[in-house]
Amino acid sequence: MDKKVNIKIGLIIIITLICGLLGGLVIGCQGVFSKQLSFLVKTVEGEVAIKDSLTVKQVEEKIMNYIKEEFDIPEISLATSTTFQNGVYRLNFKIQDTEIPPVYTTKDGTLFFPEGTKIEEKGEVACESIQKVEKPILDAFVVSYCPYGTQMQRIINNIVENISELKNNIKIRYIGQIQDGKITSMHGEEEAQENLTQICLREEQEDKFYPYLSCFLKAGEGAKCLTEAMVDTDKLESCKKEESKGIAYAQEDFDLNATYQITGSPTLIINGQDLNTPQKPIEFNFGGRTAEAVKSLICCGFENQSQFCENILTEEEASTGFSETYGSGTSDGGSCN
């Protein structure tokens, strides 16, 4: 490894640590750092990157050992759990009992970034601004015949198919009202009844909900999909007719519509936070109407991210409306109001 590069990296690390430990007391720290690091990406181990991704533990050990050996810092250890965001790992270390600024590395542990600068557009929602909880919940509000609502349902269905663990962190909810004891929806009676069908399956035949939805999103053939998903139709009809069941389940969704002032399908709420703006639905802060973007949004809500959050899903835009295939759709942020 080139000696001059080693010296420069060592200097950058030292400046980063000083800045982190002393904060605003170090006058001119940012200027000094910017001179030393106009742009630096250091290959940690050789000049050829390893293609295979490492586990989180392997990455942590590799970067920790690198810092120990290259900069003679024997008492470095993890301060908090490592997170994966924006395509890189964020590692939080401490020297003895003092936490230092986070460092970043690629999934294969070959590119090491001493500092990360977040470039935000106006109104952008960063991962850090999402409330962290042990079990995050994404509430996705839709109506069943809105082409943008089906687009979001298609995305969620793809997430559940590929990361089944996230099924318990997602709830598809519906937009509408109860009038004179009957469910209503923005596109009329047919949509209202389909919403009610999906609500009843969600609540009383959970294992049939996503198989039914996967079929329905292809061509909107509800009757065919009830058979294909092996739905108990007697139980479904009982749910739809009894006010204490289907109507009560729907009312819960509609009460949340009012709480969050939901008007458009789709609208995503993460951990009870409405971070959407008229100009930018929240999913577009993470990449748009794609499975990877919505998965990343959910994973940002974890106190401690699970390893399945490292799984990279498709970044293809999902199709709008009914479609036999997943993509490609539009990324214009459209909605039904």
C-alpha atoms as a PDB file:
ATOM      1  CA  MET A   1       0.000   0.000   0.000  1.00  0.00           C
ATOM      2  CA  ASP A   2       1.339   3.434  -0.992  1.00  0.00           C
ATOM      3  CA  LYS A   3       2.960   5.204   1.963  1.00  0.00           C
ATOM      4  CA  LYS A   4       1.608   8.629   0.964  1.00  0.00           C
ATOM      5  CA  VAL A   5      -1.920   7.257   0.815  1.00  0.00           C
ATOM      6  CA  ASN A   6      -1.459   5.702   4.255  1.00  0.00           C
ATOM      7  CA  ILE A   7      -0.278   8.991   5.689  1.00  0.00           C
ATOM      8  CA  LYS A   8      -3.192  10.889   4.171  1.00  0.00           C
ATOM      9  CA  ILE A   9      -5.764   8.373   5.443  1.00  0.00           C
ATOM     10  CA  GLY A  10      -4.213   8.493   8.908  1.00  0.00           C
ATOM     11  CA  LEU A  11      -4.421  12.267   8.914  1.00  0.00           C
ATOM     12  CA  ILE A  12      -8.053  12.201   7.813  1.00  0.00           C
ATOM     13  CA  ILE A  13      -8.990   9.719  10.518  1.00  0.00           C
ATOM     14  CA  ILE A  14      -7.235  11.786  13.167  1.00  0.00           C
ATOM     15  CA  ILE A  15      -8.949  14.989  12.017  1.00  0.00           C
ATOM     16  CA  THR A  16     -12.321  13.198  11.957  1.00  0.00           C
ATOM     17  CA  LEU A  17     -11.821  11.926  15.503  1.00  0.00           C
ATOM     18  CA  ILE A  18     -10.777  15.342  16.786  1.00  0.00           C
ATOM     19  CA  CYS A  19     -13.771  16.992  15.114  1.00  0.00           C
ATOM     20  CA  GLY A  20     -16.132  14.424  16.582  1.00  0.00           C
ATOM     21  CA  LEU A  21     -14.688  14.597  20.097  1.00  0.00           C
ATOM     22  CA  LEU A  22     -14.360  18.358  20.345  1.00  0.00           C
ATOM     23  CA  GLY A  23     -17.240  19.436  18.098  1.00  0.00           C
ATOM     24  CA  GLY A  24     -17.659  23.200  17.837  1.00  0.00           C
ATOM     25  CA  LEU A  25     -14.571  23.940  19.996  1.00  0.00           C
ATOM     26  CA  VAL A  26     -12.267  23.115  17.118  1.00  0.00           C
ATOM     27  CA  ILE A  27     -12.199  26.300  15.078  1.00  0.00           C
ATOM     28  CA  GLY A  28     -11.680  25.740  11.405  1.00  0.00           C
ATOM     29  CA  CYS A  29     -11.943  21.963  11.718  1.00  0.00           C
ATOM     30  CA  GLN A  30     -14.273  21.684   8.754  1.00  0.00           C
ATOM     31  CA  GLY A  31     -11.968  23.714   6.550  1.00  0.00           C
ATOM     32  CA  VAL A  32      -8.951  21.599   7.457  1.00  0.00           C
ATOM     33  CA  PHE A  33     -10.900  18.429   6.805  1.00  0.00           C
ATOM     34  CA  SER A  34     -12.171  19.600   3.430  1.00  0.00           C
ATOM     35  CA  LYS A  35      -8.592  20.302   2.315  1.00  0.00           C
ATOM     36  CA  GLN A  36      -7.503  16.811   3.296  1.00  0.00           C
ATOM     37  CA  LEU A  37     -10.591  15.103   1.879  1.00  0.00           C
ATOM     38  CA  SER A  38     -11.987  16.713  -1.234  1.00  0.00           C
ATOM     39  CA  PHE A  39     -13.030  13.156  -2.104  1.00  0.00           C
ATOM     40  CA  LEU A  40     -11.470  10.002  -0.696  1.00  0.00           C
ATOM     41  CA  VAL A  41     -12.505   6.422  -1.099  1.00  0.00           C
ATOM     42  CA  LYS A  42      -9.893   4.031   0.287  1.00  0.00           C
ATOM     43  CA  THR A  43      -9.682   0.383  -0.638  1.00  0.00           C
ATOM     44  CA  VAL A  44      -9.238  -1.359   2.679  1.00  0.00           C
ATOM     45  CA  GLU A  45      -7.784  -4.598   1.421  1.00  0.00           C
ATOM     46  CA  GLY A  46      -5.941  -4.506  -1.892  1.00  0.00           C
ATOM     47  CA  GLU A  47      -6.895  -2.716  -5.068  1.00  0.00           C
ATOM     48  CA  VAL A  48      -9.427  -5.293  -6.328  1.00  0.00           C
ATOM     49  CA  ALA A  49     -12.841  -5.333  -4.611  1.00  0.00           C
ATOM     50  CA  ILE A  50     -14.289  -8.601  -3.393  1.00  0.00           C
ATOM     51  CA  LYS A  51     -17.623  -9.117  -5.143  1.00  0.00           C
ATOM     52  CA  ASP A  52     -19.308 -11.216  -2.476  1.00  0.00           C
ATOM     53  CA  SER A  53     -21.069  -9.338   0.325  1.00  0.00           C
ATOM     54  CA  LEU A  54     -20.058 -10.027   3.923  1.00  0.00           C
ATOM     55  CA  THR A  55     -22.255 -10.443   6.966  1.00  0.00           C
ATOM     56  CA  VAL A  56     -22.640  -7.466   9.279  1.00  0.00           C
ATOM     57  CA  LYS A  57     -20.377  -9.116  11.868  1.00  0.00           C
ATOM     58  CA  GLN A  58     -17.668  -9.790   9.259  1.00  0.00           C
ATOM     59  CA  VAL A  59     -17.797  -6.172   8.073  1.00  0.00           C
ATOM     60  CA  GLU A  60     -17.563  -4.882  11.655  1.00  0.00           C
ATOM     61  CA  GLU A  61     -14.561  -7.089  12.416  1.00  0.00           C
ATOM     62  CA  LYS A  62     -12.832  -6.206   9.156  1.00  0.00           C
ATOM     63  CA  ILE A  63     -13.153  -2.439   9.584  1.00  0.00           C
ATOM     64  CA  MET A  64     -12.303  -2.589  13.290  1.00  0.00           C
ATOM     65  CA  ASN A  65      -9.166  -4.631  12.597  1.00  0.00           C
ATOM     66  CA  TYR A  66      -8.190  -2.281   9.800  1.00  0.00           C
ATOM     67  CA  ILE A  67      -8.402   0.772  12.066  1.00  0.00           C
ATOM     68  CA  LYS A  68      -6.543  -1.025  14.860  1.00  0.00           C
ATOM     69  CA  GLU A  69      -3.677  -2.142  12.631  1.00  0.00           C
ATOM     70  CA  GLU A  70      -3.306   0.897  10.390  1.00  0.00           C
ATOM     71  CA  PHE A  71      -3.665   3.580  13.041  1.00  0.00           C
ATOM     72  CA  ASP A  72      -2.471   1.758  16.162  1.00  0.00           C
ATOM     73  CA  ILE A  73      -5.738   2.194  18.092  1.00  0.00           C
ATOM     74  CA  PRO A  74      -5.974  -1.024  20.172  1.00  0.00           C
ATOM     75  CA  GLU A  75      -8.955  -0.099  22.349  1.00  0.00           C
ATOM     76  CA  ILE A  76     -11.592   0.484  19.693  1.00  0.00           C
ATOM     77  CA  SER A  77     -14.956  -1.274  19.967  1.00  0.00           C
ATOM     78  CA  LEU A  78     -18.540  -1.010  18.737  1.00  0.00           C
ATOM     79  CA  ALA A  79     -20.584   1.723  20.397  1.00  0.00           C
ATOM     80  CA  THR A  80     -24.015   0.916  18.918  1.00  0.00           C
ATOM     81  CA  SER A  81     -25.384  -1.531  16.389  1.00  0.00           C
ATOM     82  CA  THR A  82     -24.405  -1.202  12.736  1.00  0.00           C
ATOM     83  CA  THR A  83     -27.107  -0.062  10.316  1.00  0.00           C
ATOM     84  CA  PHE A  84     -27.473  -0.387   6.545  1.00  0.00           C
ATOM     85  CA  GLN A  85     -28.764   2.702   4.781  1.00  0.00           C
ATOM     86  CA  ASN A  86     -28.400   4.355   1.397  1.00  0.00           C
ATOM     87  CA  GLY A  87     -26.424   1.383   0.087  1.00  0.00           C
ATOM     88  CA  VAL A  88     -23.639   1.402   2.707  1.00  0.00           C
ATOM     89  CA  TYR A  89     -23.028   0.266   6.283  1.00  0.00           C
ATOM     90  CA  ARG A  90     -22.878   2.911   9.000  1.00  0.00           C
ATOM     91  CA  LEU A  91     -20.541   1.763  11.791  1.00  0.00           C
ATOM     92  CA  ASN A  92     -20.457   3.375  15.218  1.00  0.00           C
ATOM     93  CA  PHE A  93     -17.245   2.889  17.204  1.00  0.00           C
ATOM     94  CA  LYS A  94     -15.844   4.136  20.477  1.00  0.00           C
ATOM     95  CA  ILE A  95     -12.290   4.524  21.726  1.00  0.00           C
ATOM     96  CA  GLN A  96     -12.234   3.444  25.358  1.00  0.00           C
ATOM     97  CA  ASP A  97     -15.489   5.059  26.571  1.00  0.00           C
ATOM     98  CA  THR A  98     -15.679   7.895  24.050  1.00  0.00           C
ATOM     99  CA  GLU A  99     -17.883   7.476  20.985  1.00  0.00           C
ATOM    100  CA  ILE A 100     -16.351   8.751  17.739  1.00  0.00           C
ATOM    101  CA  PRO A 101     -18.100   9.986  14.575  1.00  0.00           C
ATOM    102  CA  PRO A 102     -19.590   7.165  12.454  1.00  0.00           C
ATOM    103  CA  VAL A 103     -17.652   5.701   9.528  1.00  0.00           C
ATOM    104  CA  TYR A 104     -19.018   3.992   6.443  1.00  0.00           C
ATOM    105  CA  THR A 105     -18.150   1.019   4.269  1.00  0.00           C
ATOM    106  CA  THR A 106     -19.540  -0.903   1.320  1.00  0.00           C
ATOM    107  CA  LYS A 107     -21.250  -4.289   1.781  1.00  0.00           C
ATOM    108  CA  ASP A 108     -18.103  -6.189   0.818  1.00  0.00           C
ATOM    109  CA  GLY A 109     -15.978  -4.201   3.281  1.00  0.00           C
ATOM    110  CA  THR A 110     -13.471  -3.070   0.645  1.00  0.00           C
ATOM    111  CA  LEU A 111     -14.293   0.647   0.408  1.00  0.00           C
ATOM    112  CA  PHE A 112     -13.898   2.692   3.578  1.00  0.00           C
ATOM    113  CA  PHE A 113     -15.359   6.192   4.055  1.00  0.00           C
ATOM    114  CA  PRO A 114     -14.083   8.142   7.105  1.00  0.00           C
ATOM    115  CA  GLU A 115     -17.005  10.551   6.843  1.00  0.00           C
ATOM    116  CA  GLY A 116     -20.406  10.750   5.155  1.00  0.00           C
ATOM    117  CA  THR A 117     -22.137  13.945   4.101  1.00  0.00           C
ATOM    118  CA  LYS A 118     -25.898  13.780   3.526  1.00  0.00           C
ATOM    119  CA  ILE A 119     -26.992  15.757   0.463  1.00  0.00           C
ATOM    120  CA  GLU A 120     -30.657  16.585   0.942  1.00  0.00           C
ATOM    121  CA  GLU A 121     -33.171  18.165  -1.368  1.00  0.00           C
ATOM    122  CA  LYS A 122     -35.686  20.617   0.009  1.00  0.00           C
ATOM    123  CA  GLY A 123     -38.331  18.703   1.930  1.00  0.00           C
ATOM    124  CA  GLU A 124     -36.390  15.444   1.914  1.00  0.00           C
ATOM    125  CA  VAL A 125     -37.034  13.012   4.747  1.00  0.00           C
ATOM    126  CA  ALA A 126     -33.878  11.281   5.943  1.00  0.00           C
ATOM    127  CA  CYS A 127     -33.831   7.853   7.564  1.00  0.00           C
ATOM    128  CA  GLU A 128     -32.686   9.474  10.823  1.00  0.00           C
ATOM    129  CA  SER A 129     -35.870  11.560  11.046  1.00  0.00           C
ATOM    130  CA  ILE A 130     -38.135   8.504  11.246  1.00  0.00           C
ATOM    131  CA  GLN A 131     -39.140   7.476  14.759  1.00  0.00           C
ATOM    132  CA  LYS A 132     -37.436   4.212  15.771  1.00  0.00           C
ATOM    133  CA  VAL A 133     -39.419   1.468  17.496  1.00  0.00           C
ATOM    134  CA  GLU A 134     -38.899  -2.215  18.246  1.00  0.00           C
ATOM    135  CA  LYS A 135     -41.632  -3.263  15.797  1.00  0.00           C
ATOM    136  CA  PRO A 136     -42.199  -0.640  13.089  1.00  0.00           C
ATOM    137  CA  ILE A 137     -45.554  -0.543  11.328  1.00  0.00           C
ATOM    138  CA  LEU A 138     -46.176   0.772   7.829  1.00  0.00           C
ATOM    139  CA  ASP A 139     -49.837   1.635   7.282  1.00  0.00           C
ATOM    140  CA  ALA A 140     -50.505   1.796   3.536  1.00  0.00           C
ATOM    141  CA  PHE A 141     -53.839   3.481   2.736  1.00  0.00           C
ATOM    142  CA  VAL A 142     -55.328   2.587  -0.665  1.00  0.00           C
ATOM    143  CA  VAL A 143     -58.540   1.917  -2.562  1.00  0.00           C
ATOM    144  CA  SER A 144     -58.737  -1.263  -4.593  1.00  0.00           C
ATOM    145  CA  TYR A 145     -59.520   0.156  -8.053  1.00  0.00           C
ATOM    146  CA  CYS A 146     -57.140   3.105  -7.976  1.00  0.00           C
ATOM    147  CA  PRO A 147     -54.256   2.391 -10.401  1.00  0.00           C
ATOM    148  CA  TYR A 148     -51.788   3.987  -7.981  1.00  0.00           C
ATOM    149  CA  GLY A 149     -53.306   2.068  -5.070  1.00  0.00           C
ATOM    150  CA  THR A 150     -52.813  -1.219  -6.917  1.00  0.00           C
ATOM    151  CA  GLN A 151     -49.279  -0.071  -7.730  1.00  0.00           C
ATOM    152  CA  MET A 152     -48.535   0.223  -4.001  1.00  0.00           C
ATOM    153  CA  GLN A 153     -50.260  -3.089  -3.244  1.00  0.00           C
ATOM    154  CA  ARG A 154     -48.077  -4.712  -5.926  1.00  0.00           C
ATOM    155  CA  ILE A 155     -44.969  -3.282  -4.251  1.00  0.00           C
ATOM    156  CA  ILE A 156     -46.029  -4.538  -0.816  1.00  0.00           C
ATOM    157  CA  ASN A 157     -46.900  -7.956  -2.223  1.00  0.00           C
ATOM    158  CA  ASN A 158     -43.391  -8.139  -3.728  1.00  0.00           C
ATOM    159  CA  ILE A 159     -41.826  -7.235  -0.371  1.00  0.00           C
ATOM    160  CA  VAL A 160     -43.823  -9.916   1.448  1.00  0.00           C
ATOM    161  CA  GLU A 161     -42.970 -12.527  -1.208  1.00  0.00           C
ATOM    162  CA  ASN A 162     -39.240 -11.834  -0.882  1.00  0.00           C
ATOM    163  CA  ILE A 163     -38.921 -10.942   2.825  1.00  0.00           C
ATOM    164  CA  SER A 164     -41.728 -12.790   4.578  1.00  0.00           C
ATOM    165  CA  GLU A 165     -40.585 -11.475   7.972  1.00  0.00           C
ATOM    166  CA  LEU A 166     -41.786  -7.986   7.024  1.00  0.00           C
ATOM    167  CA  LYS A 167     -45.396  -9.148   6.629  1.00  0.00           C
ATOM    168  CA  ASN A 168     -45.985  -8.367  10.302  1.00  0.00           C
ATOM    169  CA  ASN A 169     -44.647  -4.830   9.837  1.00  0.00           C
ATOM    170  CA  ILE A 170     -47.109  -3.874   7.096  1.00  0.00           C
ATOM    171  CA  LYS A 171     -50.831  -3.260   7.168  1.00  0.00           C
ATOM    172  CA  ILE A 172     -52.726  -2.408   3.992  1.00  0.00           C
ATOM    173  CA  ARG A 173     -55.635  -0.185   5.009  1.00  0.00           C
ATOM    174  CA  TYR A 174     -58.487   1.269   2.998  1.00  0.00           C
ATOM    175  CA  ILE A 175     -59.954   4.708   2.400  1.00  0.00           C
ATOM    176  CA  GLY A 176     -63.709   5.269   2.623  1.00  0.00           C
ATOM    177  CA  GLN A 177     -66.689   5.989   4.845  1.00  0.00           C
ATOM    178  CA  ILE A 178     -69.614   4.247   6.501  1.00  0.00           C
ATOM    179  CA  GLN A 179     -72.934   5.806   5.483  1.00  0.00           C
ATOM    180  CA  ASP A 180     -76.268   4.403   6.715  1.00  0.00           C
ATOM    181  CA  GLY A 181     -74.496   1.219   7.784  1.00  0.00           C
ATOM    182  CA  LYS A 182     -72.895   0.653   4.373  1.00  0.00           C
ATOM    183  CA  ILE A 183     -69.306   1.031   3.228  1.00  0.00           C
ATOM    184  CA  THR A 184     -68.606   3.630   0.526  1.00  0.00           C
ATOM    185  CA  SER A 185     -65.536   4.396  -1.586  1.00  0.00           C
ATOM    186  CA  MET A 186     -64.344   7.099  -3.956  1.00  0.00           C
ATOM    187  CA  HIS A 187     -64.935   5.021  -7.124  1.00  0.00           C
ATOM    188  CA  GLY A 188     -68.359   3.643  -6.277  1.00  0.00           C
ATOM    189  CA  GLU A 189     -70.091   0.518  -5.027  1.00  0.00           C
ATOM    190  CA  GLU A 190     -67.931  -2.069  -6.838  1.00  0.00           C
ATOM    191  CA  GLU A 191     -64.774  -0.657  -5.293  1.00  0.00           C
ATOM    192  CA  ALA A 192     -66.429  -0.353  -1.869  1.00  0.00           C
ATOM    193  CA  GLN A 193     -67.347  -4.047  -1.906  1.00  0.00           C
ATOM    194  CA  GLU A 194     -63.887  -5.071  -3.091  1.00  0.00           C
ATOM    195  CA  ASN A 195     -62.343  -2.985  -0.308  1.00  0.00           C
ATOM    196  CA  LEU A 196     -64.604  -4.795   2.163  1.00  0.00           C
ATOM    197  CA  THR A 197     -63.612  -8.186   0.728  1.00  0.00           C
ATOM    198  CA  GLN A 198     -59.943  -7.387   1.198  1.00  0.00           C
ATOM    199  CA  ILE A 199     -60.523  -5.989   4.701  1.00  0.00           C
ATOM    200  CA  CYS A 200     -62.340  -9.192   5.748  1.00  0.00           C
ATOM    201  CA  LEU A 201     -59.586 -11.390   4.325  1.00  0.00           C
ATOM    202  CA  ARG A 202     -56.961  -9.284   6.078  1.00  0.00           C
ATOM    203  CA  GLU A 203     -58.703  -9.636   9.437  1.00  0.00           C
ATOM    204  CA  GLU A 204     -60.243 -13.129   9.365  1.00  0.00           C
ATOM    205  CA  GLN A 205     -58.322 -15.153   6.757  1.00  0.00           C
ATOM    206  CA  GLU A 206     -54.880 -13.636   6.992  1.00  0.00           C
ATOM    207  CA  ASP A 207     -53.166 -16.574   5.279  1.00  0.00           C
ATOM    208  CA  LYS A 208     -55.388 -16.014   2.211  1.00  0.00           C
ATOM    209  CA  PHE A 209     -54.959 -12.249   2.001  1.00  0.00           C
ATOM    210  CA  TYR A 210     -51.705 -12.013   0.013  1.00  0.00           C
ATOM    211  CA  PRO A 211     -52.427 -15.031  -2.246  1.00  0.00           C
ATOM    212  CA  TYR A 212     -55.770 -13.410  -3.117  1.00  0.00           C
ATOM    213  CA  LEU A 213     -54.164 -10.004  -3.600  1.00  0.00           C
ATOM    214  CA  SER A 214     -51.421 -11.436  -5.827  1.00  0.00           C
ATOM    215  CA  CYS A 215     -54.101 -12.877  -8.110  1.00  0.00           C
ATOM    216  CA  PHE A 216     -56.418  -9.831  -7.990  1.00  0.00           C
ATOM    217  CA  LEU A 217     -53.646  -7.426  -9.039  1.00  0.00           C
ATOM    218  CA  LYS A 218     -53.239  -9.270 -12.356  1.00  0.00           C
ATOM    219  CA  ALA A 219     -56.680  -8.615 -13.831  1.00  0.00           C
ATOM    220  CA  GLY A 220     -59.093  -7.623 -11.071  1.00  0.00           C
ATOM    221  CA  GLU A 221     -60.946 -10.934 -11.280  1.00  0.00           C
ATOM    222  CA  GLY A 222     -62.230 -11.201  -7.721  1.00  0.00           C
ATOM    223  CA  ALA A 223     -64.403 -14.308  -8.056  1.00  0.00           C
ATOM    224  CA  LYS A 224     -61.649 -16.250  -9.811  1.00  0.00           C
ATOM    225  CA  CYS A 225     -59.112 -15.176  -7.194  1.00  0.00           C
ATOM    226  CA  LEU A 226     -61.292 -16.287  -4.277  1.00  0.00           C
ATOM    227  CA  THR A 227     -61.187 -19.790  -5.759  1.00  0.00           C
ATOM    228  CA  GLU A 228     -57.482 -19.655  -6.635  1.00  0.00           C
ATOM    229  CA  ALA A 229     -56.549 -18.504  -3.116  1.00  0.00           C
ATOM    230  CA  MET A 230     -58.866 -21.152  -1.586  1.00  0.00           C
ATOM    231  CA  VAL A 231     -60.806 -18.571   0.427  1.00  0.00           C
ATOM    232  CA  ASP A 232     -63.562 -19.769   2.756  1.00  0.00           C
ATOM    233  CA  THR A 233     -66.364 -17.888   0.978  1.00  0.00           C
ATOM    234  CA  ASP A 234     -69.008 -18.620   3.643  1.00  0.00           C
ATOM    235  CA  LYS A 235     -66.783 -17.055   6.279  1.00  0.00           C
ATOM    236  CA  LEU A 236     -66.068 -14.144   3.950  1.00  0.00           C
ATOM    237  CA  GLU A 237     -69.755 -13.440   3.268  1.00  0.00           C
ATOM    238  CA  SER A 238     -70.538 -13.632   6.977  1.00  0.00           C
ATOM    239  CA  CYS A 239     -67.820 -11.070   7.649  1.00  0.00           C
ATOM    240  CA  LYS A 240     -69.105  -8.718   4.947  1.00  0.00           C
ATOM    241  CA  LYS A 241     -72.724  -8.871   6.150  1.00  0.00           C
ATOM    242  CA  GLU A 242     -72.236  -8.577   9.919  1.00  0.00           C
ATOM    243  CA  GLU A 243     -71.737  -5.036  11.158  1.00  0.00           C
ATOM    244  CA  SER A 244     -69.770  -6.306  14.146  1.00  0.00           C
ATOM    245  CA  LYS A 245     -67.208  -7.785  11.748  1.00  0.00           C
ATOM    246  CA  GLY A 246     -66.557  -6.280   8.304  1.00  0.00           C
ATOM    247  CA  ILE A 247     -68.105  -2.871   8.926  1.00  0.00           C
ATOM    248  CA  ALA A 248     -66.353  -2.613  12.300  1.00  0.00           C
ATOM    249  CA  TYR A 249     -62.992  -3.539  10.737  1.00  0.00           C
ATOM    250  CA  ALA A 250     -63.542  -0.956   7.995  1.00  0.00           C
ATOM    251  CA  GLN A 251     -64.502   1.706  10.526  1.00  0.00           C
ATOM    252  CA  GLU A 252     -61.135   1.257  12.231  1.00  0.00           C
ATOM    253  CA  ASP A 253     -59.412   2.037   8.923  1.00  0.00           C
ATOM    254  CA  PHE A 254     -61.680   5.010   8.275  1.00  0.00           C
ATOM    255  CA  ASP A 255     -61.096   6.433  11.751  1.00  0.00           C
ATOM    256  CA  LEU A 256     -57.376   6.410  10.961  1.00  0.00           C
ATOM    257  CA  ASN A 257     -58.176   8.118   7.641  1.00  0.00           C
ATOM    258  CA  ALA A 258     -59.594  10.975   9.696  1.00  0.00           C
ATOM    259  CA  THR A 259     -56.744  10.960  12.223  1.00  0.00           C
ATOM    260  CA  TYR A 260     -54.091  11.314   9.527  1.00  0.00           C
ATOM    261  CA  GLN A 261     -56.357  13.328   7.185  1.00  0.00           C
ATOM    262  CA  ILE A 262     -55.800  10.790   4.407  1.00  0.00           C
ATOM    263  CA  THR A 263     -57.222  11.911   1.077  1.00  0.00           C
ATOM    264  CA  GLY A 264     -55.116  10.151  -1.559  1.00  0.00           C
ATOM    265  CA  SER A 265     -54.522   6.536  -2.563  1.00  0.00           C
ATOM    266  CA  PRO A 266     -51.812   5.518  -1.843  1.00  0.00           C
ATOM    267  CA  THR A 267     -50.633   7.222   1.340  1.00  0.00           C
ATOM    268  CA  LEU A 268     -47.945   5.687   3.568  1.00  0.00           C
ATOM    269  CA  ILE A 269     -47.733   6.274   7.323  1.00  0.00           C
ATOM    270  CA  ILE A 270     -44.660   4.935   9.172  1.00  0.00           C
ATOM    271  CA  ASN A 271     -44.784   4.396  12.944  1.00  0.00           C
ATOM    272  CA  GLY A 272     -47.702   6.784  13.239  1.00  0.00           C
ATOM    273  CA  GLN A 273     -45.824   9.564  11.433  1.00  0.00           C
ATOM    274  CA  ASP A 274     -47.221  11.270   8.355  1.00  0.00           C
ATOM    275  CA  LEU A 275     -44.064  12.507   6.639  1.00  0.00           C
ATOM    276  CA  ASN A 276     -45.644  13.067   3.233  1.00  0.00           C
ATOM    277  CA  THR A 277     -45.763  16.500   1.611  1.00  0.00           C
ATOM    278  CA  PRO A 278     -47.996  17.671  -1.258  1.00  0.00           C
ATOM    279  CA  GLN A 279     -44.904  17.799  -3.466  1.00  0.00           C
ATOM    280  CA  LYS A 280     -43.302  14.534  -2.376  1.00  0.00           C
ATOM    281  CA  PRO A 281     -44.856  11.320  -1.042  1.00  0.00           C
ATOM    282  CA  ILE A 282     -42.519   9.797   1.536  1.00  0.00           C
ATOM    283  CA  GLU A 283     -41.540   6.788  -0.602  1.00  0.00           C
ATOM    284  CA  PHE A 284     -39.869   9.148  -3.094  1.00  0.00           C
ATOM    285  CA  ASN A 285     -37.331  10.075  -0.422  1.00  0.00           C
ATOM    286  CA  PHE A 286     -36.135   6.471  -0.625  1.00  0.00           C
ATOM    287  CA  GLY A 287     -36.257   5.833  -4.372  1.00  0.00           C
ATOM    288  CA  GLY A 288     -39.882   6.020  -5.505  1.00  0.00           C
ATOM    289  CA  ARG A 289     -42.574   3.420  -6.085  1.00  0.00           C
ATOM    290  CA  THR A 290     -40.283   0.386  -5.865  1.00  0.00           C
ATOM    291  CA  ALA A 291     -40.056  -2.604  -3.532  1.00  0.00           C
ATOM    292  CA  GLU A 292     -36.551  -1.579  -2.446  1.00  0.00           C
ATOM    293  CA  ALA A 293     -37.657   1.973  -1.604  1.00  0.00           C
ATOM    294  CA  VAL A 294     -40.631   0.913   0.529  1.00  0.00           C
ATOM    295  CA  LYS A 295     -38.570  -1.831   2.214  1.00  0.00           C
ATOM    296  CA  SER A 296     -35.918   0.770   3.081  1.00  0.00           C
ATOM    297  CA  LEU A 297     -38.600   3.037   4.527  1.00  0.00           C
ATOM    298  CA  ILE A 298     -39.852   0.253   6.814  1.00  0.00           C
ATOM    299  CA  CYS A 299     -36.331  -0.744   7.859  1.00  0.00           C
ATOM    300  CA  CYS A 300     -35.571   2.859   8.822  1.00  0.00           C
ATOM    301  CA  GLY A 301     -38.252   2.490  11.496  1.00  0.00           C
ATOM    302  CA  PHE A 302     -36.446  -0.283  13.416  1.00  0.00           C
ATOM    303  CA  GLU A 303     -34.589   0.494  16.636  1.00  0.00           C
ATOM    304  CA  ASN A 304     -32.204  -2.286  15.610  1.00  0.00           C
ATOM    305  CA  GLN A 305     -32.336  -3.321  11.988  1.00  0.00           C
ATOM    306  CA  SER A 306     -32.727  -7.031  11.358  1.00  0.00           C
ATOM    307  CA  GLN A 307     -30.426  -8.783   8.924  1.00  0.00           C
ATOM    308  CA  PHE A 308     -33.222  -9.219   6.386  1.00  0.00           C
ATOM    309  CA  CYS A 309     -33.082  -5.459   5.840  1.00  0.00           C
ATOM    310  CA  GLU A 310     -29.811  -6.085   4.000  1.00  0.00           C
ATOM    311  CA  ASN A 311     -31.694  -7.954   1.254  1.00  0.00           C
ATOM    312  CA  ILE A 312     -31.802  -5.773  -1.836  1.00  0.00           C
ATOM    313  CA  LEU A 313     -35.161  -5.913  -3.632  1.00  0.00           C
ATOM    314  CA  THR A 314     -36.045  -4.753  -7.119  1.00  0.00           C
ATOM    315  CA  GLU A 315     -35.557  -1.074  -7.879  1.00  0.00           C
ATOM    316  CA  GLU A 316     -37.852  -1.291 -10.890  1.00  0.00           C
ATOM    317  CA  GLU A 317     -40.920   0.932 -10.744  1.00  0.00           C
ATOM    318  CA  ALA A 318     -44.044  -1.129 -10.171  1.00  0.00           C
ATOM    319  CA  SER A 319     -46.811  -1.161 -12.763  1.00  0.00           C
ATOM    320  CA  THR A 320     -49.951   0.862 -12.150  1.00  0.00           C
ATOM    321  CA  GLY A 321     -53.421  -0.646 -12.478  1.00  0.00           C
ATOM    322  CA  PHE A 322     -53.964  -4.323 -13.171  1.00  0.00           C
ATOM    323  CA  SER A 323     -50.987  -6.094 -14.717  1.00  0.00           C
ATOM    324  CA  GLU A 324     -49.718  -9.639 -15.179  1.00  0.00           C
ATOM    325  CA  THR A 325     -46.180  -8.423 -14.445  1.00  0.00           C
ATOM    326  CA  TYR A 326     -44.582  -6.444 -11.627  1.00  0.00           C
ATOM    327  CA  GLY A 327     -43.137  -3.519 -13.655  1.00  0.00           C
ATOM    328  CA  SER A 328     -42.390  -1.134 -15.104  1.00  0.00           C
ATOM    329  CA  GLY A 329     -44.741   1.632 -14.080  1.00  0.00           C
ATOM    330  CA  THR A 330     -44.545   5.346 -13.506  1.00  0.00           C
ATOM    331  CA  SER A 331     -42.610   7.256 -10.869  1.00  0.00           C
ATOM    332  CA  ASP A 332     -44.599  10.507 -11.016  1.00  0.00           C
ATOM    333  CA  GLY A 333     -46.103  10.094  -7.546  1.00  0.00           C
ATOM    334  CA  GLY A 334     -49.680   9.962  -8.819  1.00  0.00           C
ATOM    335  CA  SER A 335     -52.632   9.293  -6.542  1.00  0.00           C
ATOM    336  CA  CYS A 336     -56.423   8.962  -6.586  1.00  0.00           C
ATOM    337  CA  ASN A 337     -58.228  11.621  -4.578  1.00  0.00           C
END
